[in-house]
C-alpha atoms as a PDB file:
ATOM      1  CA  UNK A   1      66.241  53.054 109.455  1.00  0.00           C
ATOM      2  CA  UNK A   2      65.449  55.879 107.032  1.00  0.00           C
ATOM      3  CA  UNK A   3      62.595  56.988 109.295  1.00  0.00           C
ATOM      4  CA  UNK A   4      63.715  56.920 112.879  1.00  0.00           C
ATOM      5  CA  UNK A   5      60.213  57.614 114.231  1.00  0.00           C
ATOM      6  CA  UNK A   6      59.063  57.855 117.801  1.00  0.00           C
ATOM      7  CA  UNK A   7      55.630  59.129 118.911  1.00  0.00           C
ATOM      8  CA  UNK A   8      56.822  62.752 119.216  1.00  0.00           C
ATOM      9  CA  UNK A   9      58.299  62.745 115.719  1.00  0.00           C
ATOM     10  CA  UNK A  10      55.146  61.130 114.324  1.00  0.00           C
ATOM     11  CA  UNK A  11      53.020  63.875 115.928  1.00  0.00           C
ATOM     12  CA  UNK A  12      55.127  66.601 114.284  1.00  0.00           C
ATOM     13  CA  UNK A  13      55.059  64.812 110.909  1.00  0.00           C
ATOM     14  CA  UNK A  14      51.247  64.801 111.068  1.00  0.00           C
ATOM     15  CA  UNK A  15      51.169  68.515 111.958  1.00  0.00           C
ATOM     16  CA  UNK A  16      53.600  69.198 109.091  1.00  0.00           C
ATOM     17  CA  UNK A  17      51.235  67.492 106.625  1.00  0.00           C
ATOM     18  CA  UNK A  18      48.038  69.058 107.996  1.00  0.00           C
ATOM     19  CA  UNK A  19      49.520  72.575 108.185  1.00  0.00           C
ATOM     20  CA  UNK A  20      50.275  72.410 104.441  1.00  0.00           C
ATOM     21  CA  UNK A  21      46.678  71.291 103.810  1.00  0.00           C
ATOM     22  CA  UNK A  22      45.374  74.152 106.008  1.00  0.00           C
ATOM     23  CA  UNK A  23      47.475  76.629 104.056  1.00  0.00           C
ATOM     24  CA  UNK A  24      46.457  75.503 100.569  1.00  0.00           C
ATOM     25  CA  UNK A  25      42.752  75.037 101.371  1.00  0.00           C
ATOM     26  CA  UNK A  26      42.251  78.323 103.228  1.00  0.00           C
ATOM     27  CA  UNK A  27      39.922  80.921 101.681  1.00  0.00           C
ATOM     28  CA  UNK A  28      41.686  83.964 103.172  1.00  0.00           C
ATOM     29  CA  UNK A  29      45.264  85.262 103.135  1.00  0.00           C
ATOM     30  CA  UNK A  30      45.320  85.249 106.929  1.00  0.00           C
ATOM     31  CA  UNK A  31      44.404  81.547 106.987  1.00  0.00           C
ATOM     32  CA  UNK A  32      47.244  80.861 104.518  1.00  0.00           C
ATOM     33  CA  UNK A  33      49.645  82.720 106.800  1.00  0.00           C
ATOM     34  CA  UNK A  34      48.501  80.702 109.856  1.00  0.00           C
ATOM     35  CA  UNK A  35      49.053  77.459 107.910  1.00  0.00           C
ATOM     36  CA  UNK A  36      52.583  78.557 107.005  1.00  0.00           C
ATOM     37  CA  UNK A  37      53.331  79.429 110.635  1.00  0.00           C
ATOM     38  CA  UNK A  38      52.127  76.045 111.932  1.00  0.00           C
ATOM     39  CA  UNK A  39      54.221  74.403 109.224  1.00  0.00           C
ATOM     40  CA  UNK A  40      57.307  76.303 110.380  1.00  0.00           C
ATOM     41  CA  UNK A  41      56.771  75.452 114.058  1.00  0.00           C
ATOM     42  CA  UNK A  42      56.209  71.748 113.314  1.00  0.00           C
ATOM     43  CA  UNK A  43      59.372  71.402 111.194  1.00  0.00           C
ATOM     44  CA  UNK A  44      61.756  72.918 113.772  1.00  0.00           C
ATOM     45  CA  UNK A  45      61.423  70.036 116.315  1.00  0.00           C
ATOM     46  CA  UNK A  46      62.036  67.579 113.452  1.00  0.00           C
ATOM     47  CA  UNK A  47      65.308  69.339 112.575  1.00  0.00           C
ATOM     48  CA  UNK A  48      66.754  69.899 116.031  1.00  0.00           C
ATOM     49  CA  UNK A  49      68.826  67.135 117.571  1.00  0.00           C
ATOM     50  CA  UNK A  50      70.717  67.744 120.826  1.00  0.00           C
ATOM     51  CA  UNK A  51      73.437  65.260 119.797  1.00  0.00           C
ATOM     52  CA  UNK A  52      74.258  67.233 116.662  1.00  0.00           C
ATOM     53  CA  UNK A  53      75.289  70.886 117.064  1.00  0.00           C
ATOM     54  CA  UNK A  54      74.932  71.556 113.338  1.00  0.00           C
ATOM     55  CA  UNK A  55      71.255  70.582 113.388  1.00  0.00           C
ATOM     56  CA  UNK A  56      70.531  72.937 116.314  1.00  0.00           C
ATOM     57  CA  UNK A  57      72.212  75.754 114.397  1.00  0.00           C
ATOM     58  CA  UNK A  58      70.207  74.795 111.282  1.00  0.00           C
ATOM     59  CA  UNK A  59      66.959  74.882 113.301  1.00  0.00           C
ATOM     60  CA  UNK A  60      67.734  78.400 114.570  1.00  0.00           C
ATOM     61  CA  UNK A  61      68.696  79.673 111.095  1.00  0.00           C
ATOM     62  CA  UNK A  62      65.577  78.087 109.606  1.00  0.00           C
ATOM     63  CA  UNK A  63      63.364  79.717 112.236  1.00  0.00           C
ATOM     64  CA  UNK A  64      64.888  83.183 111.694  1.00  0.00           C
ATOM     65  CA  UNK A  65      64.660  83.143 107.884  1.00  0.00           C
ATOM     66  CA  UNK A  66      61.127  81.728 107.841  1.00  0.00           C
ATOM     67  CA  UNK A  67      60.017  84.221 110.509  1.00  0.00           C
ATOM     68  CA  UNK A  68      61.356  87.139 108.422  1.00  0.00           C
ATOM     69  CA  UNK A  69      59.562  85.787 105.329  1.00  0.00           C
ATOM     70  CA  UNK A  70      56.350  85.354 107.354  1.00  0.00           C
ATOM     71  CA  UNK A  71      56.551  88.945 108.666  1.00  0.00           C
ATOM     72  CA  UNK A  72      56.988  90.230 105.096  1.00  0.00           C
ATOM     73  CA  UNK A  73      54.057  88.106 103.921  1.00  0.00           C
ATOM     74  CA  UNK A  74      51.786  89.311 106.757  1.00  0.00           C
ATOM     75  CA  UNK A  75      52.825  92.946 106.204  1.00  0.00           C
ATOM     76  CA  UNK A  76      52.084  92.636 102.465  1.00  0.00           C
ATOM     77  CA  UNK A  77      48.639  91.081 102.907  1.00  0.00           C
ATOM     78  CA  UNK A  78      47.669  93.703 105.544  1.00  0.00           C
ATOM     79  CA  UNK A  79      48.734  96.518 103.202  1.00  0.00           C
ATOM     80  CA  UNK A  80      46.750  94.857 100.412  1.00  0.00           C
ATOM     81  CA  UNK A  81      43.650  94.744 102.624  1.00  0.00           C
ATOM     82  CA  UNK A  82      44.063  98.435 103.598  1.00  0.00           C
ATOM     83  CA  UNK A  83      44.847  99.731 100.076  1.00  0.00           C
ATOM     84  CA  UNK A  84      42.455  97.412  98.260  1.00  0.00           C
ATOM     85  CA  UNK A  85      41.087 100.101  95.928  1.00  0.00           C
ATOM     86  CA  UNK A  86      44.441 101.638  95.034  1.00  0.00           C
ATOM     87  CA  UNK A  87      45.459  99.860  91.804  1.00  0.00           C
ATOM     88  CA  UNK A  88      48.678 101.825  91.269  1.00  0.00           C
ATOM     89  CA  UNK A  89      50.416 100.145  94.232  1.00  0.00           C
ATOM     90  CA  UNK A  90      49.071  96.698  93.315  1.00  0.00           C
ATOM     91  CA  UNK A  91      52.166  95.726  91.290  1.00  0.00           C
ATOM     92  CA  UNK A  92      54.502  96.502  94.195  1.00  0.00           C
ATOM     93  CA  UNK A  93      52.358  94.469  96.649  1.00  0.00           C
ATOM     94  CA  UNK A  94      52.329  91.466  94.287  1.00  0.00           C
ATOM     95  CA  UNK A  95      56.159  91.608  94.101  1.00  0.00           C
ATOM     96  CA  UNK A  96      56.345  91.790  97.929  1.00  0.00           C
ATOM     97  CA  UNK A  97      54.024  88.793  98.396  1.00  0.00           C
ATOM     98  CA  UNK A  98      55.847  86.804  95.700  1.00  0.00           C
ATOM     99  CA  UNK A  99      59.244  87.641  97.229  1.00  0.00           C
ATOM    100  CA  UNK A 100      58.236  86.499 100.726  1.00  0.00           C
ATOM    101  CA  UNK A 101      56.868  83.198  99.344  1.00  0.00           C
ATOM    102  CA  UNK A 102      59.988  82.670  97.223  1.00  0.00           C
ATOM    103  CA  UNK A 103      62.102  83.267 100.338  1.00  0.00           C
ATOM    104  CA  UNK A 104      60.060  80.640 102.178  1.00  0.00           C
ATOM    105  CA  UNK A 105      60.807  77.984  99.568  1.00  0.00           C
ATOM    106  CA  UNK A 106      64.513  78.882  99.253  1.00  0.00           C
ATOM    107  CA  UNK A 107      64.391  80.294  95.748  1.00  0.00           C
ATOM    108  CA  UNK A 108      67.223  82.408  94.341  1.00  0.00           C
ATOM    109  CA  UNK A 109      68.042  85.304  94.941  1.00  0.00           C
ATOM    110  CA  UNK A 110      66.694  84.636  98.491  1.00  0.00           C
ATOM    111  CA  UNK A 111      68.467  81.269  98.622  1.00  0.00           C
ATOM    112  CA  UNK A 112      71.490  81.991 100.850  1.00  0.00           C
ATOM    113  CA  UNK A 113      69.965  80.272 103.909  1.00  0.00           C
ATOM    114  CA  UNK A 114      69.024  77.126 101.997  1.00  0.00           C
ATOM    115  CA  UNK A 115      72.390  75.313 101.412  1.00  0.00           C
ATOM    116  CA  UNK A 116      73.660  76.299 104.888  1.00  0.00           C
ATOM    117  CA  UNK A 117      70.621  74.801 106.602  1.00  0.00           C
ATOM    118  CA  UNK A 118      70.617  71.633 104.474  1.00  0.00           C
ATOM    119  CA  UNK A 119      74.264  71.073 105.459  1.00  0.00           C
ATOM    120  CA  UNK A 120      73.139  70.569 109.094  1.00  0.00           C
ATOM    121  CA  UNK A 121      70.215  68.196 108.395  1.00  0.00           C
ATOM    122  CA  UNK A 122      69.839  64.434 108.157  1.00  0.00           C
ATOM    123  CA  UNK A 123      68.906  63.010 104.728  1.00  0.00           C
ATOM    124  CA  UNK A 124      65.222  62.564 105.663  1.00  0.00           C
ATOM    125  CA  UNK A 125      64.962  66.226 106.704  1.00  0.00           C
ATOM    126  CA  UNK A 126      66.788  67.249 103.519  1.00  0.00           C
ATOM    127  CA  UNK A 127      64.180  65.326 101.536  1.00  0.00           C
ATOM    128  CA  UNK A 128      61.285  67.044 103.374  1.00  0.00           C
ATOM    129  CA  UNK A 129      62.814  70.515 102.974  1.00  0.00           C
ATOM    130  CA  UNK A 130      63.490  69.991  99.252  1.00  0.00           C
ATOM    131  CA  UNK A 131      60.037  68.591  98.389  1.00  0.00           C
ATOM    132  CA  UNK A 132      57.127  68.902 100.850  1.00  0.00           C
ATOM    133  CA  UNK A 133      58.102  72.341 102.197  1.00  0.00           C
ATOM    134  CA  UNK A 134      57.845  73.806  98.684  1.00  0.00           C
ATOM    135  CA  UNK A 135      54.194  72.803  98.151  1.00  0.00           C
ATOM    136  CA  UNK A 136      52.316  75.442 100.176  1.00  0.00           C
ATOM    137  CA  UNK A 137      54.424  78.485  99.127  1.00  0.00           C
ATOM    138  CA  UNK A 138      54.133  77.350  95.477  1.00  0.00           C
ATOM    139  CA  UNK A 139      50.349  77.060  95.591  1.00  0.00           C
ATOM    140  CA  UNK A 140      50.016  80.404  97.415  1.00  0.00           C
ATOM    141  CA  UNK A 141      52.247  81.914  94.730  1.00  0.00           C
ATOM    142  CA  UNK A 142      49.756  80.788  92.074  1.00  0.00           C
ATOM    143  CA  UNK A 143      47.001  82.890  93.716  1.00  0.00           C
ATOM    144  CA  UNK A 144      48.810  86.167  93.121  1.00  0.00           C
ATOM    145  CA  UNK A 145      51.476  85.851  90.441  1.00  0.00           C
ATOM    146  CA  UNK A 146      53.535  88.657  88.979  1.00  0.00           C
ATOM    147  CA  UNK A 147      54.509  87.068  85.659  1.00  0.00           C
ATOM    148  CA  UNK A 148      57.332  89.408  84.619  1.00  0.00           C
ATOM    149  CA  UNK A 149      58.935  89.212  88.076  1.00  0.00           C
ATOM    150  CA  UNK A 150      58.677  85.396  88.118  1.00  0.00           C
ATOM    151  CA  UNK A 151      60.204  85.079  84.635  1.00  0.00           C
ATOM    152  CA  UNK A 152      63.301  86.861  85.916  1.00  0.00           C
ATOM    153  CA  UNK A 153      63.343  84.743  89.115  1.00  0.00           C
ATOM    154  CA  UNK A 154      63.150  81.500  87.107  1.00  0.00           C
ATOM    155  CA  UNK A 155      66.200  82.360  85.011  1.00  0.00           C
ATOM    156  CA  UNK A 156      68.123  83.438  88.155  1.00  0.00           C
ATOM    157  CA  UNK A 157      67.156  80.112  89.792  1.00  0.00           C
ATOM    158  CA  UNK A 158      68.539  77.870  87.059  1.00  0.00           C
ATOM    159  CA  UNK A 159      71.749  79.928  86.772  1.00  0.00           C
ATOM    160  CA  UNK A 160      72.368  80.148  90.556  1.00  0.00           C
ATOM    161  CA  UNK A 161      71.662  76.410  90.956  1.00  0.00           C
ATOM    162  CA  UNK A 162      74.404  75.686  88.434  1.00  0.00           C
ATOM    163  CA  UNK A 163      76.971  78.259  89.605  1.00  0.00           C
ATOM    164  CA  UNK A 164      76.553  77.295  93.265  1.00  0.00           C
ATOM    165  CA  UNK A 165      77.037  73.591  92.649  1.00  0.00           C
ATOM    166  CA  UNK A 166      80.276  73.800  90.635  1.00  0.00           C
ATOM    167  CA  UNK A 167      82.794  73.675  93.496  1.00  0.00           C
ATOM    168  CA  UNK A 168      80.751  71.726  96.055  1.00  0.00           C
ATOM    169  CA  UNK A 169      82.256  68.703  97.785  1.00  0.00           C
ATOM    170  CA  UNK A 170      79.305  68.210 100.147  1.00  0.00           C
ATOM    171  CA  UNK A 171      76.575  66.010  98.655  1.00  0.00           C
ATOM    172  CA  UNK A 172      73.897  67.774 100.720  1.00  0.00           C
ATOM    173  CA  UNK A 173      74.904  71.203  99.405  1.00  0.00           C
ATOM    174  CA  UNK A 174      75.048  69.775  95.889  1.00  0.00           C
ATOM    175  CA  UNK A 175      71.491  68.473  96.323  1.00  0.00           C
ATOM    176  CA  UNK A 176      70.457  71.916  97.671  1.00  0.00           C
ATOM    177  CA  UNK A 177      71.766  73.705  94.567  1.00  0.00           C
ATOM    178  CA  UNK A 178      70.215  71.010  92.393  1.00  0.00           C
ATOM    179  CA  UNK A 179      66.928  71.743  94.195  1.00  0.00           C
ATOM    180  CA  UNK A 180      67.301  75.492  93.452  1.00  0.00           C
ATOM    181  CA  UNK A 181      67.898  74.641  89.778  1.00  0.00           C
ATOM    182  CA  UNK A 182      64.841  72.348  89.701  1.00  0.00           C
ATOM    183  CA  UNK A 183      62.787  75.082  91.392  1.00  0.00           C
ATOM    184  CA  UNK A 184      63.352  77.198  88.268  1.00  0.00           C
ATOM    185  CA  UNK A 185      61.919  74.355  86.185  1.00  0.00           C
ATOM    186  CA  UNK A 186      59.009  73.978  88.622  1.00  0.00           C
ATOM    187  CA  UNK A 187      58.177  77.682  88.419  1.00  0.00           C
ATOM    188  CA  UNK A 188      58.129  77.649  84.606  1.00  0.00           C
ATOM    189  CA  UNK A 189      55.991  74.476  84.598  1.00  0.00           C
ATOM    190  CA  UNK A 190      53.689  76.187  87.119  1.00  0.00           C
ATOM    191  CA  UNK A 191      53.181  79.131  84.766  1.00  0.00           C
ATOM    192  CA  UNK A 192      52.313  76.717  81.953  1.00  0.00           C
ATOM    193  CA  UNK A 193      49.830  74.613  83.944  1.00  0.00           C
ATOM    194  CA  UNK A 194      49.216  73.456  87.505  1.00  0.00           C
ATOM    195  CA  UNK A 195      48.926  69.827  86.388  1.00  0.00           C
ATOM    196  CA  UNK A 196      52.348  69.982  84.762  1.00  0.00           C
ATOM    197  CA  UNK A 197      53.800  71.460  87.967  1.00  0.00           C
ATOM    198  CA  UNK A 198      52.211  68.687  90.040  1.00  0.00           C
ATOM    199  CA  UNK A 199      53.614  66.066  87.659  1.00  0.00           C
ATOM    200  CA  UNK A 200      57.095  67.656  87.806  1.00  0.00           C
ATOM    201  CA  UNK A 201      56.969  67.827  91.615  1.00  0.00           C
ATOM    202  CA  UNK A 202      55.939  64.158  91.917  1.00  0.00           C
ATOM    203  CA  UNK A 203      58.720  63.058  89.538  1.00  0.00           C
ATOM    204  CA  UNK A 204      61.327  65.217  91.276  1.00  0.00           C
ATOM    205  CA  UNK A 205      60.196  63.974  94.725  1.00  0.00           C
ATOM    206  CA  UNK A 206      60.449  60.368  93.545  1.00  0.00           C
ATOM    207  CA  UNK A 207      63.993  60.817  92.195  1.00  0.00           C
ATOM    208  CA  UNK A 208      65.278  62.803  95.163  1.00  0.00           C
ATOM    209  CA  UNK A 209      63.736  60.270  97.584  1.00  0.00           C
ATOM    210  CA  UNK A 210      65.721  57.414  95.971  1.00  0.00           C
ATOM    211  CA  UNK A 211      68.967  59.371  96.247  1.00  0.00           C
ATOM    212  CA  UNK A 212      68.312  60.452  99.841  1.00  0.00           C
ATOM    213  CA  UNK A 213      67.355  56.882 100.783  1.00  0.00           C
ATOM    214  CA  UNK A 214      70.492  55.403  99.162  1.00  0.00           C
ATOM    215  CA  UNK A 215      72.909  58.000 100.552  1.00  0.00           C
ATOM    216  CA  UNK A 216      71.306  57.616 103.993  1.00  0.00           C
ATOM    217  CA  UNK A 217      71.883  53.832 103.856  1.00  0.00           C
ATOM    218  CA  UNK A 218      75.489  54.390 102.780  1.00  0.00           C
ATOM    219  CA  UNK A 219      75.833  57.043 105.516  1.00  0.00           C
ATOM    220  CA  UNK A 220      77.482  59.288 102.922  1.00  0.00           C
ATOM    221  CA  UNK A 221      77.580  63.076 103.118  1.00  0.00           C
ATOM    222  CA  UNK A 222      80.634  64.088 101.042  1.00  0.00           C
ATOM    223  CA  UNK A 223      81.810  63.213  97.536  1.00  0.00           C
ATOM    224  CA  UNK A 224      85.139  61.710  98.686  1.00  0.00           C
ATOM    225  CA  UNK A 225      83.245  59.178 100.846  1.00  0.00           C
ATOM    226  CA  UNK A 226      81.988  57.621  97.617  1.00  0.00           C
ATOM    227  CA  UNK A 227      85.614  56.999  96.588  1.00  0.00           C
ATOM    228  CA  UNK A 228      86.822  55.396  99.820  1.00  0.00           C
ATOM    229  CA  UNK A 229      83.846  53.075 100.432  1.00  0.00           C
ATOM    230  CA  UNK A 230      84.198  49.612  98.911  1.00  0.00           C
ATOM    231  CA  UNK A 231      80.722  49.577  97.361  1.00  0.00           C
ATOM    232  CA  UNK A 232      78.910  46.848  95.521  1.00  0.00           C
ATOM    233  CA  UNK A 233      78.944  47.501  91.749  1.00  0.00           C
ATOM    234  CA  UNK A 234      75.110  47.263  91.674  1.00  0.00           C
ATOM    235  CA  UNK A 235      74.867  50.198  94.124  1.00  0.00           C
ATOM    236  CA  UNK A 236      77.255  52.184  91.912  1.00  0.00           C
ATOM    237  CA  UNK A 237      75.122  51.479  88.837  1.00  0.00           C
ATOM    238  CA  UNK A 238      71.910  52.424  90.656  1.00  0.00           C
ATOM    239  CA  UNK A 239      73.514  55.671  91.898  1.00  0.00           C
ATOM    240  CA  UNK A 240      74.620  56.380  88.318  1.00  0.00           C
ATOM    241  CA  UNK A 241      71.081  55.772  86.984  1.00  0.00           C
ATOM    242  CA  UNK A 242      69.437  57.975  89.627  1.00  0.00           C
ATOM    243  CA  UNK A 243      71.911  60.854  89.314  1.00  0.00           C
ATOM    244  CA  UNK A 244      71.503  60.842  85.523  1.00  0.00           C
ATOM    245  CA  UNK A 245      67.729  60.704  85.900  1.00  0.00           C
ATOM    246  CA  UNK A 246      67.774  63.681  88.285  1.00  0.00           C
ATOM    247  CA  UNK A 247      69.936  65.575  85.789  1.00  0.00           C
ATOM    248  CA  UNK A 248      67.376  64.890  83.050  1.00  0.00           C
ATOM    249  CA  UNK A 249      69.327  62.674  80.625  1.00  0.00           C
ATOM    250  CA  UNK A 250      66.985  61.439  77.836  1.00  0.00           C
ATOM    251  CA  UNK A 251      66.593  57.677  78.333  1.00  0.00           C
ATOM    252  CA  UNK A 252      65.771  58.138  82.050  1.00  0.00           C
ATOM    253  CA  UNK A 253      62.538  59.078  83.789  1.00  0.00           C
ATOM    254  CA  UNK A 254      63.750  62.535  84.954  1.00  0.00           C
ATOM    255  CA  UNK A 255      63.888  63.724  81.329  1.00  0.00           C
ATOM    256  CA  UNK A 256      60.128  63.236  80.832  1.00  0.00           C
ATOM    257  CA  UNK A 257      58.799  66.298  82.779  1.00  0.00           C
ATOM    258  CA  UNK A 258      61.622  68.469  81.371  1.00  0.00           C
ATOM    259  CA  UNK A 259      60.740  67.287  77.869  1.00  0.00           C
ATOM    260  CA  UNK A 260      57.085  68.313  78.263  1.00  0.00           C
ATOM    261  CA  UNK A 261      58.112  71.703  79.731  1.00  0.00           C
ATOM    262  CA  UNK A 262      60.553  72.394  76.850  1.00  0.00           C
ATOM    263  CA  UNK A 263      57.828  71.342  74.382  1.00  0.00           C
ATOM    264  CA  UNK A 264      55.435  73.960  75.783  1.00  0.00           C
ATOM    265  CA  UNK A 265      58.147  76.645  75.833  1.00  0.00           C
ATOM    266  CA  UNK A 266      59.065  76.057  72.178  1.00  0.00           C
ATOM    267  CA  UNK A 267      55.386  75.915  71.126  1.00  0.00           C
ATOM    268  CA  UNK A 268      54.861  79.326  72.762  1.00  0.00           C
ATOM    269  CA  UNK A 269      58.046  80.701  71.118  1.00  0.00           C
ATOM    270  CA  UNK A 270      60.096  81.182  74.329  1.00  0.00           C
ATOM    271  CA  UNK A 271      63.271  80.167  72.502  1.00  0.00           C
ATOM    272  CA  UNK A 272      65.821  82.097  74.577  1.00  0.00           C
ATOM    273  CA  UNK A 273      64.404  80.862  77.920  1.00  0.00           C
ATOM    274  CA  UNK A 274      64.298  77.248  76.695  1.00  0.00           C
ATOM    275  CA  UNK A 275      67.920  77.591  75.459  1.00  0.00           C
ATOM    276  CA  UNK A 276      69.066  78.893  78.885  1.00  0.00           C
ATOM    277  CA  UNK A 277      67.207  76.089  80.701  1.00  0.00           C
ATOM    278  CA  UNK A 278      68.654  73.354  78.460  1.00  0.00           C
ATOM    279  CA  UNK A 279      72.221  74.700  78.730  1.00  0.00           C
ATOM    280  CA  UNK A 280      72.012  74.895  82.536  1.00  0.00           C
ATOM    281  CA  UNK A 281      70.692  71.301  82.641  1.00  0.00           C
ATOM    282  CA  UNK A 282      73.769  70.215  80.684  1.00  0.00           C
ATOM    283  CA  UNK A 283      76.066  71.806  83.269  1.00  0.00           C
ATOM    284  CA  UNK A 284      74.096  70.122  86.095  1.00  0.00           C
ATOM    285  CA  UNK A 285      74.657  66.807  84.326  1.00  0.00           C
ATOM    286  CA  UNK A 286      78.384  67.562  84.317  1.00  0.00           C
ATOM    287  CA  UNK A 287      78.403  67.659  88.172  1.00  0.00           C
ATOM    288  CA  UNK A 288      76.562  64.376  88.434  1.00  0.00           C
ATOM    289  CA  UNK A 289      78.807  62.682  85.876  1.00  0.00           C
ATOM    290  CA  UNK A 290      81.855  63.979  87.768  1.00  0.00           C
ATOM    291  CA  UNK A 291      80.661  62.333  91.017  1.00  0.00           C
ATOM    292  CA  UNK A 292      79.746  59.033  89.377  1.00  0.00           C
ATOM    293  CA  UNK A 293      82.799  58.884  87.101  1.00  0.00           C
ATOM    294  CA  UNK A 294      85.155  59.243  90.068  1.00  0.00           C
ATOM    295  CA  UNK A 295      83.339  56.701  92.262  1.00  0.00           C
ATOM    296  CA  UNK A 296      83.276  54.136  89.420  1.00  0.00           C
ATOM    297  CA  UNK A 297      86.883  54.733  88.321  1.00  0.00           C
ATOM    298  CA  UNK A 298      88.362  54.355  91.830  1.00  0.00           C
ATOM    299  CA  UNK A 299      87.752  50.649  91.785  1.00  0.00           C
ATOM    300  CA  UNK A 300      91.063  49.268  93.058  1.00  0.00           C
ATOM    301  CA  UNK A 301      89.873  47.551  96.226  1.00  0.00           C
ATOM    302  CA  UNK A 302      93.178  47.720  98.127  1.00  0.00           C
ATOM    303  CA  UNK A 303      92.848  51.510  98.140  1.00  0.00           C
ATOM    304  CA  UNK A 304      89.449  51.320  99.845  1.00  0.00           C
ATOM    305  CA  UNK A 305      89.185  52.068 103.557  1.00  0.00           C
ATOM    306  CA  UNK A 306      85.755  50.739 104.431  1.00  0.00           C
ATOM    307  CA  UNK A 307      84.027  47.531 103.489  1.00  0.00           C
ATOM    308  CA  UNK A 308      80.309  48.143 103.222  1.00  0.00           C
ATOM    309  CA  UNK A 309      77.400  45.694 103.438  1.00  0.00           C
ATOM    310  CA  UNK A 310      73.725  46.383 102.789  1.00  0.00           C
ATOM    311  CA  UNK A 311      70.792  44.264 103.878  1.00  0.00           C
ATOM    312  CA  UNK A 312      68.929  42.420 101.136  1.00  0.00           C
ATOM    313  CA  UNK A 313      65.640  44.307 101.585  1.00  0.00           C
ATOM    314  CA  UNK A 314      67.460  47.653 101.220  1.00  0.00           C
ATOM    315  CA  UNK A 315      69.093  46.450  98.019  1.00  0.00           C
ATOM    316  CA  UNK A 316      65.696  45.309  96.723  1.00  0.00           C
ATOM    317  CA  UNK A 317      64.261  48.809  97.247  1.00  0.00           C
ATOM    318  CA  UNK A 318      67.232  50.497  95.558  1.00  0.00           C
ATOM    319  CA  UNK A 319      67.152  48.110  92.566  1.00  0.00           C
ATOM    320  CA  UNK A 320      63.375  48.392  92.139  1.00  0.00           C
ATOM    321  CA  UNK A 321      63.411  52.221  92.175  1.00  0.00           C
ATOM    322  CA  UNK A 322      66.420  52.298  89.849  1.00  0.00           C
ATOM    323  CA  UNK A 323      64.591  50.064  87.372  1.00  0.00           C
ATOM    324  CA  UNK A 324      61.563  52.410  87.467  1.00  0.00           C
ATOM    325  CA  UNK A 325      63.928  55.333  86.944  1.00  0.00           C
ATOM    326  CA  UNK A 326      65.641  53.566  84.025  1.00  0.00           C
ATOM    327  CA  UNK A 327      62.520  52.214  82.291  1.00  0.00           C
ATOM    328  CA  UNK A 328      60.291  55.193  83.131  1.00  0.00           C
ATOM    329  CA  UNK A 329      60.687  56.771  79.689  1.00  0.00           C
ATOM    330  CA  UNK A 330      59.395  53.606  78.043  1.00  0.00           C
ATOM    331  CA  UNK A 331      56.179  53.876  80.090  1.00  0.00           C
ATOM    332  CA  UNK A 332      56.045  57.623  79.442  1.00  0.00           C
ATOM    333  CA  UNK A 333      55.599  57.077  75.674  1.00  0.00           C
ATOM    334  CA  UNK A 334      52.052  55.874  76.416  1.00  0.00           C
ATOM    335  CA  UNK A 335      51.150  59.425  77.506  1.00  0.00           C
ATOM    336  CA  UNK A 336      51.438  60.735  73.946  1.00  0.00           C
ATOM    337  CA  UNK A 337      48.711  59.547  71.604  1.00  0.00           C
END
């Protein structure tokens, strides 16, 4: 099962959801901080697994990095409350608050903990860390943005996401760097409009959920596992569709939010930024094509080590989501009048 839920896990999932809601609906900085802390303490029991040493290490690393970011955030908001009337120091405080929130969501250049922790997680926890855990820091970031600082961070994000993913053999680390790259896109869409950010986040969450679900069913964590498993050709095609969609290739659904974002950037004459973003997306597509190309080309069945069977209902889910991903752009044309 994708969700291996018992009553304890369910309790922590509920706290995880409600802590994010507490954080984003609070009317004071201190309330936001409390929401973030509850969120941190509810995610750690979901990560840790006594059977897996890597997950225990990941839980400890996650706690330490998030605690440091929380201390910075608390320190910054206390200084802001004390020096409320001093406008000269305001710029520095906004950079401090932004930095601590960016560290919480695993944005570059504070990203070094992110791939290491994802390497020790199960696919469901990877999915939560790459999607849901970004919501509250993102919304808190919108309350107190330093635009010039965030412009620089966005460009660093897309470049680091690409450079980090080039030599990766671990699929989880590859997804982590892909997430850092997409975070750059999310930040730029956030500066354009909150609705666009929400749309991008929903699309990204949908695409990453299909991939996490499929790779979890295949029990696959490294690229070379895709070569040695004797997979059904339909699974290969659906993996191809979803990887291309995540990369933002035009006929697929993942291109739609990127298209709208690039439209806004070009309308507002941010030509250099849009050029950098498009070029980095092309390199991300190169990684995905490399994975898929190899797994499709190695098709001589006598070389395969493992025969793999999937239940019919799992295949139905994968095929349905892949069809949505493939035909999504056709539906998206209705959005433009």
